[in-house]
């Protein structure tokens, strides 16, 4: 069984659509402040573009854990 984690940071772009940026293997000790600071920096520095324009606001953030269990191993 393997467990993987990723941080999903969700933004709204200039067109009002949601844009998700995923970061694999986030630190276990991330705080809300850490994530908000990173997301605000991404917005203020205009690090990423999207088809709907610049990222303009924070929508949400979450850590997603995925458990993979092999049934037949080859």
PDB file of N, CA and C in Angstrom:
ATOM      1  N   UNK A   1       0.851  -1.169   0.000  1.00  0.00           N
ATOM      2  CA  UNK A   1       0.000   0.000   0.000  1.00  0.00           C
ATOM      3  C   UNK A   1       0.899   1.235   0.000  1.00  0.00           C
ATOM      4  N   UNK A   2       0.578   2.187  -0.848  1.00  0.00           N
ATOM      5  CA  UNK A   2       1.341   3.428  -0.941  1.00  0.00           C
ATOM      6  C   UNK A   2       0.411   4.614  -0.708  1.00  0.00           C
ATOM      7  N   UNK A   3       0.890   5.576   0.064  1.00  0.00           N
ATOM      8  CA  UNK A   3       0.132   6.796   0.320  1.00  0.00           C
ATOM      9  C   UNK A   3       0.896   7.963  -0.292  1.00  0.00           C
ATOM     10  N   UNK A   4       0.211   8.739  -1.105  1.00  0.00           N
ATOM     11  CA  UNK A   4       0.814   9.943  -1.666  1.00  0.00           C
ATOM     12  C   UNK A   4      -0.013  11.149  -1.235  1.00  0.00           C
ATOM     13  N   UNK A   5       0.659  12.287  -1.117  1.00  0.00           N
ATOM     14  CA  UNK A   5      -0.020  13.526  -0.736  1.00  0.00           C
ATOM     15  C   UNK A   5       0.311  14.604  -1.748  1.00  0.00           C
ATOM     16  N   UNK A   6      -0.628  15.536  -1.893  1.00  0.00           N
ATOM     17  CA  UNK A   6      -0.361  16.718  -2.699  1.00  0.00           C
ATOM     18  C   UNK A   6      -1.146  17.894  -2.114  1.00  0.00           C
ATOM     19  N   UNK A   7      -0.541  19.054  -2.218  1.00  0.00           N
ATOM     20  CA  UNK A   7      -1.198  20.291  -1.823  1.00  0.00           C
ATOM     21  C   UNK A   7      -1.871  20.856  -3.060  1.00  0.00           C
ATOM     22  N   UNK A   8      -3.166  21.098  -2.968  1.00  0.00           N
ATOM     23  CA  UNK A   8      -3.904  21.717  -4.071  1.00  0.00           C
ATOM     24  C   UNK A   8      -4.253  23.140  -3.667  1.00  0.00           C
ATOM     25  N   UNK A   9      -3.709  24.096  -4.400  1.00  0.00           N
ATOM     26  CA  UNK A   9      -4.018  25.507  -4.175  1.00  0.00           C
ATOM     27  C   UNK A   9      -4.947  25.943  -5.291  1.00  0.00           C
ATOM     28  N   UNK A  10      -6.115  26.438  -4.906  1.00  0.00           N
ATOM     29  CA  UNK A  10      -7.131  26.808  -5.894  1.00  0.00           C
ATOM     30  C   UNK A  10      -7.309  28.321  -5.892  1.00  0.00           C
ATOM     31  N   UNK A  11      -7.257  28.885  -7.084  1.00  0.00           N
ATOM     32  CA  UNK A  11      -7.362  30.326  -7.283  1.00  0.00           C
ATOM     33  C   UNK A  11      -8.533  30.631  -8.209  1.00  0.00           C
ATOM     34  N   UNK A  12      -8.970  31.873  -8.200  1.00  0.00           N
ATOM     35  CA  UNK A  12      -9.902  32.370  -9.217  1.00  0.00           C
ATOM     36  C   UNK A  12      -9.086  33.261 -10.153  1.00  0.00           C
ATOM     37  N   UNK A  13      -9.344  33.111 -11.442  1.00  0.00           N
ATOM     38  CA  UNK A  13      -8.641  33.957 -12.404  1.00  0.00           C
ATOM     39  C   UNK A  13      -9.509  35.153 -12.777  1.00  0.00           C
ATOM     40  N   UNK A  14      -8.991  35.997 -13.674  1.00  0.00           N
ATOM     41  CA  UNK A  14      -9.696  37.220 -14.061  1.00  0.00           C
ATOM     42  C   UNK A  14     -11.062  36.934 -14.679  1.00  0.00           C
ATOM     43  N   UNK A  15     -11.228  35.758 -15.268  1.00  0.00           N
ATOM     44  CA  UNK A  15     -12.510  35.371 -15.874  1.00  0.00           C
ATOM     45  C   UNK A  15     -13.467  34.754 -14.857  1.00  0.00           C
ATOM     46  N   UNK A  16     -13.017  34.605 -13.603  1.00  0.00           N
ATOM     47  CA  UNK A  16     -13.870  34.031 -12.566  1.00  0.00           C
ATOM     48  C   UNK A  16     -13.826  32.521 -12.489  1.00  0.00           C
ATOM     49  N   UNK A  17     -12.979  31.898 -13.295  1.00  0.00           N
ATOM     50  CA  UNK A  17     -12.868  30.436 -13.284  1.00  0.00           C
ATOM     51  C   UNK A  17     -11.849  29.985 -12.244  1.00  0.00           C
ATOM     52  N   UNK A  18     -11.995  28.754 -11.801  1.00  0.00           N
ATOM     53  CA  UNK A  18     -11.084  28.183 -10.815  1.00  0.00           C
ATOM     54  C   UNK A  18      -9.879  27.562 -11.510  1.00  0.00           C
ATOM     55  N   UNK A  19      -8.697  27.861 -10.970  1.00  0.00           N
ATOM     56  CA  UNK A  19      -7.438  27.308 -11.470  1.00  0.00           C
ATOM     57  C   UNK A  19      -6.772  26.597 -10.299  1.00  0.00           C
ATOM     58  N   UNK A  20      -6.366  25.343 -10.493  1.00  0.00           N
ATOM     59  CA  UNK A  20      -5.732  24.564  -9.431  1.00  0.00           C
ATOM     60  C   UNK A  20      -4.260  24.352  -9.746  1.00  0.00           C
ATOM     61  N   UNK A  21      -3.425  24.626  -8.746  1.00  0.00           N
ATOM     62  CA  UNK A  21      -1.995  24.340  -8.829  1.00  0.00           C
ATOM     63  C   UNK A  21      -1.711  23.276  -7.785  1.00  0.00           C
ATOM     64  N   UNK A  22      -1.133  22.151  -8.204  1.00  0.00           N
ATOM     65  CA  UNK A  22      -0.846  21.034  -7.301  1.00  0.00           C
ATOM     66  C   UNK A  22       0.647  20.936  -7.039  1.00  0.00           C
ATOM     67  N   UNK A  23       0.983  20.716  -5.776  1.00  0.00           N
ATOM     68  CA  UNK A  23       2.379  20.542  -5.368  1.00  0.00           C
ATOM     69  C   UNK A  23       2.495  19.173  -4.707  1.00  0.00           C
ATOM     70  N   UNK A  24       3.297  18.266  -5.276  1.00  0.00           N
ATOM     71  CA  UNK A  24       3.431  16.932  -4.681  1.00  0.00           C
ATOM     72  C   UNK A  24       4.259  16.964  -3.403  1.00  0.00           C
ATOM     73  N   UNK A  25       3.968  16.043  -2.513  1.00  0.00           N
ATOM     74  CA  UNK A  25       4.731  15.825  -1.283  1.00  0.00           C
ATOM     75  C   UNK A  25       4.932  17.082  -0.442  1.00  0.00           C
ATOM     76  N   UNK A  26       3.843  17.743  -0.023  1.00  0.00           N
ATOM     77  CA  UNK A  26       4.006  18.927   0.820  1.00  0.00           C
ATOM     78  C   UNK A  26       4.539  18.541   2.200  1.00  0.00           C
ATOM     79  N   UNK A  27       5.172  19.493   2.860  1.00  0.00           N
ATOM     80  CA  UNK A  27       5.658  19.251   4.223  1.00  0.00           C
ATOM     81  C   UNK A  27       4.483  18.908   5.137  1.00  0.00           C
ATOM     82  N   UNK A  28       4.740  18.064   6.120  1.00  0.00           N
ATOM     83  CA  UNK A  28       3.694  17.677   7.066  1.00  0.00           C
ATOM     84  C   UNK A  28       3.331  18.805   8.027  1.00  0.00           C
ATOM     85  N   UNK A  29       4.247  19.756   8.220  1.00  0.00           N
ATOM     86  CA  UNK A  29       4.010  20.814   9.203  1.00  0.00           C
ATOM     87  C   UNK A  29       3.513  22.122   8.586  1.00  0.00           C
ATOM     88  N   UNK A  30       2.959  22.071   7.380  1.00  0.00           N
ATOM     89  CA  UNK A  30       2.426  23.285   6.757  1.00  0.00           C
ATOM     90  C   UNK A  30       1.307  23.870   7.599  1.00  0.00           C
ATOM     91  N   UNK A  31       1.293  25.192   7.699  1.00  0.00           N
ATOM     92  CA  UNK A  31       0.222  25.878   8.422  1.00  0.00           C
ATOM     93  C   UNK A  31      -0.639  26.653   7.429  1.00  0.00           C
ATOM     94  N   UNK A  32      -1.782  27.099   7.913  1.00  0.00           N
ATOM     95  CA  UNK A  32      -2.647  27.941   7.090  1.00  0.00           C
ATOM     96  C   UNK A  32      -1.877  29.186   6.656  1.00  0.00           C
ATOM     97  N   UNK A  33      -1.128  29.770   7.578  1.00  0.00           N
ATOM     98  CA  UNK A  33      -0.351  30.973   7.257  1.00  0.00           C
ATOM     99  C   UNK A  33       0.682  30.702   6.166  1.00  0.00           C
ATOM    100  N   UNK A  34       1.352  29.553   6.229  1.00  0.00           N
ATOM    101  CA  UNK A  34       2.333  29.192   5.193  1.00  0.00           C
ATOM    102  C   UNK A  34       1.684  29.158   3.812  1.00  0.00           C
ATOM    103  N   UNK A  35       0.548  28.498   3.737  1.00  0.00           N
ATOM    104  CA  UNK A  35      -0.123  28.320   2.449  1.00  0.00           C
ATOM    105  C   UNK A  35      -0.679  29.657   1.946  1.00  0.00           C
ATOM    106  N   UNK A  36      -1.286  30.440   2.844  1.00  0.00           N
ATOM    107  CA  UNK A  36      -1.812  31.748   2.440  1.00  0.00           C
ATOM    108  C   UNK A  36      -0.696  32.658   1.936  1.00  0.00           C
ATOM    109  N   UNK A  37       0.439  32.640   2.625  1.00  0.00           N
ATOM    110  CA  UNK A  37       1.575  33.457   2.194  1.00  0.00           C
ATOM    111  C   UNK A  37       2.043  33.044   0.806  1.00  0.00           C
ATOM    112  N   UNK A  38       2.174  31.743   0.583  1.00  0.00           N
ATOM    113  CA  UNK A  38       2.600  31.249  -0.729  1.00  0.00           C
ATOM    114  C   UNK A  38       1.598  31.644  -1.810  1.00  0.00           C
ATOM    115  N   UNK A  39       0.321  31.481  -1.519  1.00  0.00           N
ATOM    116  CA  UNK A  39      -0.707  31.791  -2.515  1.00  0.00           C
ATOM    117  C   UNK A  39      -0.754  33.286  -2.818  1.00  0.00           C
ATOM    118  N   UNK A  40      -0.631  34.112  -1.789  1.00  0.00           N
ATOM    119  CA  UNK A  40      -0.615  35.557  -2.013  1.00  0.00           C
ATOM    120  C   UNK A  40       0.605  35.983  -2.818  1.00  0.00           C
ATOM    121  N   UNK A  41       1.737  35.316  -2.594  1.00  0.00           N
ATOM    122  CA  UNK A  41       2.943  35.612  -3.376  1.00  0.00           C
ATOM    123  C   UNK A  41       2.740  35.231  -4.835  1.00  0.00           C
ATOM    124  N   UNK A  42       2.135  34.075  -5.075  1.00  0.00           N
ATOM    125  CA  UNK A  42       1.845  33.644  -6.451  1.00  0.00           C
ATOM    126  C   UNK A  42       0.978  34.681  -7.158  1.00  0.00           C
ATOM    127  N   UNK A  43      -0.029  35.201  -6.448  1.00  0.00           N
ATOM    128  CA  UNK A  43      -0.915  36.212  -7.038  1.00  0.00           C
ATOM    129  C   UNK A  43      -0.172  37.527  -7.262  1.00  0.00           C
ATOM    130  N   UNK A  44       0.518  38.019  -6.244  1.00  0.00           N
ATOM    131  CA  UNK A  44       1.144  39.349  -6.340  1.00  0.00           C
ATOM    132  C   UNK A  44       2.304  39.394  -7.327  1.00  0.00           C
ATOM    133  N   UNK A  45       3.028  38.288  -7.462  1.00  0.00           N
ATOM    134  CA  UNK A  45       4.160  38.239  -8.399  1.00  0.00           C
ATOM    135  C   UNK A  45       3.736  37.785  -9.788  1.00  0.00           C
ATOM    136  N   UNK A  46       2.456  37.446  -9.936  1.00  0.00           N
ATOM    137  CA  UNK A  46       1.909  37.002 -11.220  1.00  0.00           C
ATOM    138  C   UNK A  46       2.748  35.858 -11.799  1.00  0.00           C
ATOM    139  N   UNK A  47       2.971  34.852 -10.955  1.00  0.00           N
ATOM    140  CA  UNK A  47       3.852  33.737 -11.300  1.00  0.00           C
ATOM    141  C   UNK A  47       3.279  32.873 -12.426  1.00  0.00           C
ATOM    142  N   UNK A  48       1.982  32.640 -12.420  1.00  0.00           N
ATOM    143  CA  UNK A  48       1.350  31.765 -13.407  1.00  0.00           C
ATOM    144  C   UNK A  48       0.294  32.526 -14.198  1.00  0.00           C
ATOM    145  N   UNK A  49       0.125  32.128 -15.443  1.00  0.00           N
ATOM    146  CA  UNK A  49      -0.959  32.638 -16.281  1.00  0.00           C
ATOM    147  C   UNK A  49      -1.947  31.507 -16.517  1.00  0.00           C
ATOM    148  N   UNK A  50      -3.164  31.879 -16.822  1.00  0.00           N
ATOM    149  CA  UNK A  50      -4.154  30.870 -17.191  1.00  0.00           C
ATOM    150  C   UNK A  50      -4.888  31.364 -18.423  1.00  0.00           C
ATOM    151  N   UNK A  51      -5.629  30.478 -19.049  1.00  0.00           N
ATOM    152  CA  UNK A  51      -6.361  30.864 -20.259  1.00  0.00           C
ATOM    153  C   UNK A  51      -7.419  31.922 -19.962  1.00  0.00           C
ATOM    154  N   UNK A  52      -7.821  32.034 -18.698  1.00  0.00           N
ATOM    155  CA  UNK A  52      -8.811  33.030 -18.296  1.00  0.00           C
ATOM    156  C   UNK A  52      -8.188  34.275 -17.698  1.00  0.00           C
ATOM    157  N   UNK A  53      -6.883  34.450 -17.909  1.00  0.00           N
ATOM    158  CA  UNK A  53      -6.215  35.645 -17.401  1.00  0.00           C
ATOM    159  C   UNK A  53      -5.446  35.377 -16.115  1.00  0.00           C
ATOM    160  N   UNK A  54      -4.985  36.462 -15.509  1.00  0.00           N
ATOM    161  CA  UNK A  54      -4.179  36.367 -14.293  1.00  0.00           C
ATOM    162  C   UNK A  54      -4.962  35.751 -13.138  1.00  0.00           C
ATOM    163  N   UNK A  55      -4.238  35.131 -12.213  1.00  0.00           N
ATOM    164  CA  UNK A  55      -4.845  34.662 -10.971  1.00  0.00           C
ATOM    165  C   UNK A  55      -5.067  35.887 -10.099  1.00  0.00           C
ATOM    166  N   UNK A  56      -6.284  36.041  -9.570  1.00  0.00           N
ATOM    167  CA  UNK A  56      -6.607  37.281  -8.863  1.00  0.00           C
ATOM    168  C   UNK A  56      -6.994  37.094  -7.401  1.00  0.00           C
ATOM    169  N   UNK A  57      -7.545  35.943  -7.027  1.00  0.00           N
ATOM    170  CA  UNK A  57      -7.925  35.726  -5.631  1.00  0.00           C
ATOM    171  C   UNK A  57      -7.710  34.268  -5.234  1.00  0.00           C
ATOM    172  N   UNK A  58      -7.618  34.065  -3.929  1.00  0.00           N
ATOM    173  CA  UNK A  58      -7.540  32.716  -3.369  1.00  0.00           C
ATOM    174  C   UNK A  58      -8.955  32.153  -3.298  1.00  0.00           C
ATOM    175  N   UNK A  59      -9.133  30.937  -3.791  1.00  0.00           N
ATOM    176  CA  UNK A  59     -10.427  30.259  -3.681  1.00  0.00           C
ATOM    177  C   UNK A  59     -10.411  29.290  -2.501  1.00  0.00           C
ATOM    178  N   UNK A  60      -9.381  28.432  -2.438  1.00  0.00           N
ATOM    179  CA  UNK A  60      -9.279  27.460  -1.346  1.00  0.00           C
ATOM    180  C   UNK A  60      -7.940  26.744  -1.449  1.00  0.00           C
ATOM    181  N   UNK A  61      -7.663  25.931  -0.446  1.00  0.00           N
ATOM    182  CA  UNK A  61      -6.473  25.073  -0.476  1.00  0.00           C
ATOM    183  C   UNK A  61      -6.792  23.820   0.325  1.00  0.00           C
ATOM    184  N   UNK A  62      -6.176  22.720  -0.073  1.00  0.00           N
ATOM    185  CA  UNK A  62      -6.395  21.466   0.646  1.00  0.00           C
ATOM    186  C   UNK A  62      -5.230  20.526   0.394  1.00  0.00           C
ATOM    187  N   UNK A  63      -5.070  19.583   1.301  1.00  0.00           N
ATOM    188  CA  UNK A  63      -4.105  18.510   1.102  1.00  0.00           C
ATOM    189  C   UNK A  63      -4.901  17.261   0.765  1.00  0.00           C
ATOM    190  N   UNK A  64      -4.552  16.645  -0.351  1.00  0.00           N
ATOM    191  CA  UNK A  64      -5.237  15.445  -0.821  1.00  0.00           C
ATOM    192  C   UNK A  64      -4.311  14.260  -0.594  1.00  0.00           C
ATOM    193  N   UNK A  65      -4.832  13.245   0.097  1.00  0.00           N
ATOM    194  CA  UNK A  65      -4.078  12.010   0.315  1.00  0.00           C
ATOM    195  C   UNK A  65      -4.697  10.911  -0.533  1.00  0.00           C
ATOM    196  N   UNK A  66      -3.836  10.149  -1.179  1.00  0.00           N
ATOM    197  CA  UNK A  66      -4.307   9.051  -2.033  1.00  0.00           C
ATOM    198  C   UNK A  66      -3.642   7.767  -1.570  1.00  0.00           C
ATOM    199  N   UNK A  67      -4.457   6.767  -1.320  1.00  0.00           N
ATOM    200  CA  UNK A  67      -3.956   5.454  -0.913  1.00  0.00           C
ATOM    201  C   UNK A  67      -4.107   4.508  -2.096  1.00  0.00           C
ATOM    202  N   UNK A  68      -3.006   3.880  -2.479  1.00  0.00           N
ATOM    203  CA  UNK A  68      -3.013   2.919  -3.575  1.00  0.00           C
ATOM    204  C   UNK A  68      -2.703   1.542  -3.015  1.00  0.00           C
ATOM    205  N   UNK A  69      -3.595   0.607  -3.251  1.00  0.00           N
ATOM    206  CA  UNK A  69      -3.399  -0.766  -2.807  1.00  0.00           C
ATOM    207  C   UNK A  69      -3.331  -1.662  -4.038  1.00  0.00           C
ATOM    208  N   UNK A  70      -2.200  -2.318  -4.210  1.00  0.00           N
ATOM    209  CA  UNK A  70      -2.049  -3.235  -5.334  1.00  0.00           C
ATOM    210  C   UNK A  70      -2.865  -4.498  -5.068  1.00  0.00           C
ATOM    211  N   UNK A  71      -3.589  -4.941  -6.075  1.00  0.00           N
ATOM    212  CA  UNK A  71      -4.352  -6.182  -5.972  1.00  0.00           C
ATOM    213  C   UNK A  71      -3.547  -7.317  -6.588  1.00  0.00           C
ATOM    214  N   UNK A  72      -3.012  -7.059  -7.759  1.00  0.00           N
ATOM    215  CA  UNK A  72      -2.143  -8.032  -8.420  1.00  0.00           C
ATOM    216  C   UNK A  72      -0.831  -7.318  -8.707  1.00  0.00           C
ATOM    217  N   UNK A  73       0.234  -7.856  -8.184  1.00  0.00           N
ATOM    218  CA  UNK A  73       1.545  -7.253  -8.409  1.00  0.00           C
ATOM    219  C   UNK A  73       2.277  -8.039  -9.474  1.00  0.00           C
ATOM    220  N   UNK A  74       2.948  -7.319 -10.357  1.00  0.00           N
ATOM    221  CA  UNK A  74       3.596  -7.998 -11.458  1.00  0.00           C
ATOM    222  C   UNK A  74       5.072  -7.920 -11.457  1.00  0.00           C
TER     223      UNK A  74
END
